[in-house]
Amino acid sequence: EAFSVTGNRLKVADATALKLPVSLHETPRSVTLIDRTRIQEQNFVRLEDTFRYVPGVFSRSQDGDSYHFLSRGFDMGPDQTLIDGFTGLLAGGTFSPSLFSVEKVVYLRGPAGLQYGAATAPGGVINLITKKPTPNAFTQIDARGATYAGHGVDFGDNNSFEISVDSGGPLTPTGNVLYRTSAQIQNLASYKDGIDDQNRGFLAALTWKFGQDDRFELTPTFLWQRQPFGAGR
């Protein structure tokens, strides 16, 4: 008269990017996923910083700071860098985007990228998954510094620094309303003298769960980024 089914839940990569809600191991595609932990551990600042750790993906810029990238020999434009599965972050062309608001970077390489419409190329797509509200409350403050040595630059010259704040958790006792905020102040120097990119960013997101057993979710997100680049970039 009754039965139950038990099992382990699959670790889903990202159904939005892959359109295949299965684990990475079972995905019949060439996929690379870089999560937030690795972004922090390896100090990835921009999307371009991750390219050298992804097979078949390369930067097309001499300075390594362009929205263009090469994937499996194809020259990929701004439409192939998605944000939460949608084109728009690099519309019109810009520099490589900051990763301060990104939870995961999903690389889908090969002709499977053609499933994103006429604007795509067989090289693949990159999907930037933004930070989302979390059921567990947390606040993290991160401060980093860097310098250059080499290329005629002495150690201690051309200093960079970054201060970021990331916070999230429930807003109501029932946990049906969650929030996530993230902000960044970053002055990024280069090995070239006189360059100080004053990057700024802010992210705010709310998740509202409603309906029977909270079966529906609505998550409006606001993202603002400013990335000025000095002369000589």
Protein backbone atom coordinates (compact mmCIF):
# COMPACT_ATOMS: atom_id res chain seq x y z
CA GLU A 1 0.00 0.00 0.00
CA ALA A 2 2.99 2.29 0.37
CA PHE A 3 6.56 2.49 -0.84
CA SER A 4 9.51 4.85 -0.52
CA VAL A 5 12.47 5.61 -2.75
CA THR A 6 15.81 6.65 -1.30
CA GLY A 7 19.03 7.75 -2.94
CA ASN A 8 21.71 10.39 -3.20
CA ARG A 9 20.94 13.68 -4.86
CA LEU A 10 23.07 14.40 -7.93
CA LYS A 11 25.48 17.31 -7.86
CA VAL A 12 23.97 19.27 -10.73
CA ALA A 13 26.37 21.50 -12.63
CA ASP A 14 24.04 24.17 -14.01
CA ALA A 15 20.87 23.32 -15.88
CA THR A 16 20.77 26.87 -17.30
CA ALA A 17 24.14 26.59 -19.03
CA LEU A 18 24.07 22.93 -19.98
CA LYS A 19 20.30 22.39 -20.37
CA LEU A 20 21.04 18.93 -19.02
CA PRO A 21 20.17 18.51 -15.29
CA VAL A 22 22.68 15.72 -14.64
CA SER A 23 25.98 15.47 -12.79
CA LEU A 24 29.22 16.61 -14.41
CA HIS A 25 30.43 13.02 -14.62
CA GLU A 26 27.38 12.01 -16.66
CA THR A 27 27.27 15.08 -18.90
CA PRO A 28 28.06 14.14 -22.52
CA ARG A 29 29.74 17.49 -23.12
CA SER A 30 33.14 19.07 -22.63
CA VAL A 31 32.52 21.08 -19.45
CA THR A 32 34.76 22.88 -16.96
CA LEU A 33 33.35 24.36 -13.74
CA ILE A 34 35.24 26.82 -11.52
CA ASP A 35 33.47 27.55 -8.23
CA ARG A 36 33.78 30.40 -5.74
CA THR A 37 36.24 28.55 -3.51
CA ARG A 38 38.72 28.16 -6.35
CA ILE A 39 38.19 31.76 -7.48
CA GLN A 40 39.27 32.94 -4.03
CA GLU A 41 42.10 30.44 -3.54
CA GLN A 42 43.76 31.25 -6.86
CA ASN A 43 42.89 34.95 -6.68
CA PHE A 44 41.07 35.11 -10.01
CA VAL A 45 40.16 38.78 -10.46
CA ARG A 46 38.76 38.84 -13.99
CA LEU A 47 37.25 36.16 -16.20
CA GLU A 48 40.39 36.18 -18.34
CA ASP A 49 42.42 34.97 -15.34
CA THR A 50 40.65 31.59 -15.50
CA PHE A 51 41.38 30.91 -19.19
CA ARG A 52 44.81 29.37 -18.62
CA TYR A 53 43.22 26.68 -16.44
CA VAL A 54 40.60 25.66 -19.02
CA PRO A 55 41.61 23.32 -21.88
CA GLY A 56 41.14 24.78 -25.35
CA VAL A 57 40.29 28.33 -24.18
CA PHE A 58 42.70 31.27 -24.65
CA SER A 59 42.69 35.04 -24.40
CA ARG A 60 42.85 37.00 -27.65
CA SER A 61 44.38 40.11 -26.09
CA GLN A 62 48.07 40.89 -25.80
CA ASP A 63 47.48 42.33 -22.33
CA GLY A 64 45.22 39.40 -21.47
CA ASP A 65 42.27 41.66 -20.74
CA SER A 66 39.68 41.45 -23.49
CA TYR A 67 36.09 40.28 -23.77
CA HIS A 68 37.21 38.27 -26.81
CA PHE A 69 38.39 34.72 -26.25
CA LEU A 70 39.40 31.77 -28.41
CA SER A 71 37.65 28.44 -27.87
CA ARG A 72 38.68 25.39 -29.88
CA GLY A 73 40.11 27.64 -32.57
CA PHE A 74 37.00 29.85 -32.92
CA ASP A 75 37.10 33.60 -32.21
CA MET A 76 34.33 34.18 -29.66
CA GLY A 77 32.65 37.55 -29.27
CA PRO A 78 30.70 39.20 -26.42
CA ASP A 79 27.52 37.17 -27.07
CA GLN A 80 29.31 33.99 -25.99
CA THR A 81 29.82 35.24 -22.41
CA LEU A 82 26.49 34.77 -20.64
CA ILE A 83 25.33 35.85 -17.21
CA ASP A 84 22.87 33.44 -15.59
CA GLY A 85 22.21 31.98 -19.03
CA PHE A 86 21.44 35.28 -20.76
CA THR A 87 23.43 37.54 -23.08
CA GLY A 88 23.91 41.10 -21.89
CA LEU A 89 26.86 41.59 -19.55
CA LEU A 90 29.27 42.23 -22.43
CA ALA A 91 26.78 43.54 -24.98
CA GLY A 92 28.48 46.06 -27.23
CA GLY A 93 31.96 44.95 -26.21
CA THR A 94 33.97 45.74 -23.10
CA PHE A 95 36.92 44.39 -21.13
CA SER A 96 37.03 41.07 -19.33
CA PRO A 97 34.38 41.21 -16.57
CA SER A 98 35.13 41.18 -12.86
CA LEU A 99 34.37 37.99 -10.91
CA PHE A 100 33.42 39.66 -7.62
CA SER A 101 29.70 38.89 -8.13
CA VAL A 102 30.20 35.41 -9.63
CA GLU A 103 29.57 32.17 -7.71
CA LYS A 104 30.54 29.78 -10.53
CA VAL A 105 32.03 29.95 -14.02
CA VAL A 106 30.82 27.22 -16.37
CA TYR A 107 32.67 26.58 -19.64
CA LEU A 108 30.76 24.62 -22.28
CA ARG A 109 33.14 23.87 -25.17
CA GLY A 110 32.41 22.55 -28.62
CA PRO A 111 29.39 22.61 -30.98
CA ALA A 112 26.94 22.19 -28.08
CA GLY A 113 27.19 25.97 -27.76
CA LEU A 114 25.06 26.26 -30.92
CA GLN A 115 21.96 25.50 -28.85
CA TYR A 116 22.02 29.15 -27.75
CA GLY A 117 20.77 30.50 -31.07
CA ALA A 118 21.97 32.16 -34.26
CA ALA A 119 24.38 34.51 -32.45
CA THR A 120 26.53 31.67 -31.13
CA ALA A 121 29.59 29.94 -32.60
CA PRO A 122 30.70 26.28 -32.50
CA GLY A 123 33.49 27.10 -30.04
CA GLY A 124 31.14 27.07 -27.06
CA VAL A 125 29.88 29.47 -24.39
CA ILE A 126 30.84 30.75 -20.94
CA ASN A 127 28.12 31.12 -18.31
CA LEU A 128 28.74 33.33 -15.28
CA ILE A 129 26.45 32.27 -12.43
CA THR A 130 25.90 35.16 -10.04
CA LYS A 131 25.80 34.87 -6.26
CA LYS A 132 22.36 33.89 -4.95
CA PRO A 133 20.72 34.22 -1.51
CA THR A 134 21.52 31.44 0.95
CA PRO A 135 19.42 29.86 3.75
CA ASN A 136 22.36 30.04 6.18
CA ALA A 137 23.36 33.44 7.51
CA PHE A 138 26.97 34.50 6.92
CA THR A 139 29.15 37.58 6.46
CA GLN A 140 32.64 37.52 4.96
CA ILE A 141 35.09 40.42 4.69
CA ASP A 142 38.11 39.93 2.44
CA ALA A 143 41.16 42.21 2.13
CA ARG A 144 43.95 41.54 -0.37
CA GLY A 145 47.10 43.23 -1.57
CA ALA A 146 49.53 42.64 -4.41
CA THR A 147 52.61 44.10 -6.05
CA TYR A 148 54.83 43.54 -9.07
CA ALA A 149 58.44 42.51 -9.53
CA GLY A 150 60.07 42.04 -12.89
CA HIS A 151 59.72 43.69 -16.31
CA GLY A 152 61.90 46.49 -14.91
CA VAL A 153 59.57 47.01 -11.94
CA ASP A 154 61.02 46.80 -8.43
CA PHE A 155 59.34 44.70 -5.76
CA GLY A 156 56.95 46.97 -3.88
CA ASP A 157 56.07 49.17 -6.86
CA ASN A 158 52.70 49.33 -8.59
CA ASN A 159 50.67 48.20 -5.61
CA SER A 160 47.14 46.81 -5.84
CA PHE A 161 44.56 46.36 -3.11
CA GLU A 162 41.04 45.01 -2.77
CA ILE A 163 38.39 45.10 -0.05
CA SER A 164 35.20 43.09 -0.50
CA VAL A 165 32.16 42.25 1.64
CA ASP A 166 29.81 39.33 1.03
CA SER A 167 26.74 38.66 3.20
CA GLY A 168 23.59 36.56 2.98
CA GLY A 169 20.91 34.71 4.91
CA PRO A 170 17.19 34.75 5.79
CA LEU A 171 15.21 37.97 6.25
CA THR A 172 12.13 36.36 7.83
CA PRO A 173 11.76 33.86 10.71
CA THR A 174 10.15 31.34 8.36
CA GLY A 175 13.03 31.58 5.90
CA ASN A 176 10.80 32.22 2.88
CA VAL A 177 12.62 35.49 2.11
CA LEU A 178 16.41 35.34 1.67
CA TYR A 179 18.97 37.99 0.74
CA ARG A 180 22.48 38.29 -0.68
CA THR A 181 24.63 41.42 -0.93
CA SER A 182 28.17 41.79 -2.18
CA ALA A 183 30.35 44.87 -2.68
CA GLN A 184 33.90 45.45 -3.85
CA ILE A 185 36.44 48.29 -3.92
CA GLN A 186 39.50 47.43 -5.96
CA ASN A 187 42.46 49.48 -7.21
CA LEU A 188 44.34 47.30 -9.68
CA ALA A 189 47.81 48.27 -10.84
CA SER A 190 49.69 46.88 -13.85
CA TYR A 191 53.33 46.16 -14.60
CA LYS A 192 53.10 49.35 -16.68
CA ASP A 193 53.71 52.48 -14.60
CA GLY A 194 50.86 54.92 -13.99
CA ILE A 195 47.95 52.50 -14.41
CA ASP A 196 45.46 52.25 -11.55
CA ASP A 197 42.14 50.67 -12.52
CA GLN A 198 39.62 51.74 -9.89
CA ASN A 199 37.08 48.93 -10.16
CA ARG A 200 33.86 49.08 -8.15
CA GLY A 201 30.96 46.66 -7.88
CA PHE A 202 27.72 46.02 -6.01
CA LEU A 203 25.27 43.10 -6.07
CA ALA A 204 21.91 42.79 -4.28
CA ALA A 205 19.52 39.85 -4.62
CA LEU A 206 16.33 38.69 -2.87
CA THR A 207 14.72 35.27 -3.07
CA TRP A 208 11.02 34.97 -2.26
CA LYS A 209 9.65 31.45 -1.79
CA PHE A 210 5.89 31.14 -2.06
CA GLY A 211 3.11 28.70 -2.79
CA GLN A 212 2.38 25.36 -1.13
CA ASP A 213 5.56 24.00 0.49
CA ASP A 214 7.43 26.99 -0.99
CA ARG A 215 7.44 25.30 -4.37
CA PHE A 216 7.91 28.58 -6.29
CA GLU A 217 10.87 30.96 -6.13
CA LEU A 218 11.37 34.48 -7.44
CA THR A 219 14.86 36.05 -7.32
CA PRO A 220 15.20 39.63 -8.61
CA THR A 221 18.87 40.65 -8.84
CA PHE A 222 20.55 44.06 -9.16
CA LEU A 223 24.15 44.13 -10.40
CA TRP A 224 26.28 47.25 -10.92
CA GLN A 225 29.89 47.18 -12.10
CA ARG A 226 32.30 49.95 -13.00
CA GLN A 227 35.59 49.04 -14.68
CA PRO A 228 37.54 52.11 -15.88
CA PHE A 229 40.87 51.43 -17.56
CA GLY A 230 43.81 53.80 -17.65
CA ALA A 231 45.73 54.94 -20.70
CA GLY A 232 48.11 52.34 -22.06
CA ARG A 233 45.81 49.36 -21.50
